[in-house]
Amino acid sequence: MTNQAKTYQKYLIKEIKAIPPEYFPNLLQIIRIFRETALFNSRSQQMPDKKQNRYPLRGRPFTYIDLTEPVAVDDWEALQ
């Protein structure tokens, strides 16, 4: 444990000792929620970003064929 961690541990213990015992269940719940949130955030930062390959065709050349040709004419009910 680093010196900084030991210092924070001392401050935390001091703060916990100043809390009345009837609030310990609430404090325990707060600490558990904080730990779960902190661990979740650190895990999500370690996971590779799935959005990196969101647009795999971006920047690739393309060609228009029959640029003015209507698209999906057979799908329009009004034309039938």
Protein backbone atom coordinates (compact mmCIF):
# COMPACT_ATOMS: atom_id res chain seq x y z
CA MET A 1 0.00 0.00 0.00
CA THR A 2 1.38 3.40 -0.96
CA ASN A 3 1.86 6.24 1.49
CA GLN A 4 -0.97 8.15 -0.15
CA ALA A 5 -3.32 5.17 0.24
CA LYS A 6 -2.33 4.84 3.90
CA THR A 7 -3.08 8.52 4.43
CA TYR A 8 -6.52 8.17 2.87
CA GLN A 9 -7.16 5.05 4.92
CA LYS A 10 -6.39 6.97 8.12
CA TYR A 11 -8.79 9.76 7.07
CA LEU A 12 -11.52 7.25 6.25
CA ILE A 13 -11.14 5.49 9.59
CA LYS A 14 -11.27 8.84 11.37
CA GLU A 15 -14.46 9.79 9.52
CA ILE A 16 -16.08 6.40 10.19
CA LYS A 17 -15.31 6.67 13.91
CA ALA A 18 -17.10 10.05 13.97
CA ILE A 19 -20.34 8.51 12.62
CA PRO A 20 -22.90 7.28 15.17
CA PRO A 21 -23.32 3.47 15.09
CA GLU A 22 -27.00 3.65 14.14
CA TYR A 23 -25.92 4.99 10.74
CA PHE A 24 -23.53 2.10 10.03
CA PRO A 25 -26.03 0.13 7.89
CA ASN A 26 -26.55 3.16 5.64
CA LEU A 27 -22.82 3.81 5.46
CA LEU A 28 -22.16 0.19 4.54
CA GLN A 29 -24.72 0.39 1.75
CA ILE A 30 -23.18 3.61 0.43
CA ILE A 31 -19.71 2.04 0.44
CA ARG A 32 -20.93 -1.07 -1.40
CA ILE A 33 -22.71 0.98 -4.05
CA PHE A 34 -19.64 3.17 -4.48
CA ARG A 35 -17.38 0.11 -4.85
CA GLU A 36 -19.67 -1.50 -7.43
CA THR A 37 -19.87 1.74 -9.40
CA ALA A 38 -16.12 2.33 -9.27
CA LEU A 39 -15.37 -1.24 -10.36
CA PHE A 40 -17.95 -1.07 -13.14
CA ASN A 41 -16.48 2.18 -14.46
CA SER A 42 -12.93 0.84 -14.39
CA ARG A 43 -14.03 -2.34 -16.22
CA SER A 44 -15.91 -0.40 -18.86
CA GLN A 45 -12.83 1.73 -19.54
CA GLN A 46 -10.73 -1.39 -20.02
CA MET A 47 -13.15 -2.94 -22.52
CA PRO A 48 -12.40 -2.26 -26.17
CA ASP A 49 -14.67 0.31 -27.75
CA LYS A 50 -17.21 -1.51 -29.92
CA LYS A 51 -18.02 1.72 -31.77
CA GLN A 52 -14.57 1.92 -33.35
CA ASN A 53 -15.77 -0.03 -36.38
CA ARG A 54 -19.20 1.62 -36.51
CA TYR A 55 -18.74 2.91 -40.05
CA PRO A 56 -16.41 0.43 -41.77
CA LEU A 57 -17.06 1.87 -45.25
CA ARG A 58 -16.31 5.47 -44.32
CA GLY A 59 -13.69 6.94 -46.60
CA ARG A 60 -13.94 4.23 -49.27
CA PRO A 61 -14.71 5.18 -52.86
CA PHE A 62 -18.15 4.49 -54.30
CA THR A 63 -19.84 4.80 -57.67
CA TYR A 64 -23.39 5.82 -58.49
CA ILE A 65 -25.11 3.65 -61.11
CA ASP A 66 -28.23 5.11 -62.71
CA LEU A 67 -28.20 8.13 -60.46
CA THR A 68 -31.65 9.38 -61.50
CA GLU A 69 -33.32 5.95 -61.56
CA PRO A 70 -36.21 5.58 -59.06
CA VAL A 71 -35.57 3.28 -56.12
CA ALA A 72 -37.99 0.57 -54.95
CA VAL A 73 -40.81 1.54 -57.31
CA ASP A 74 -42.41 -1.90 -56.86
CA ASP A 75 -42.71 -1.31 -53.11
CA TRP A 76 -45.01 1.72 -53.40
CA GLU A 77 -48.65 0.68 -52.93
CA ALA A 78 -49.92 3.94 -54.43
CA LEU A 79 -48.36 3.14 -57.81
CA GLN A 80 -50.09 -0.23 -58.13
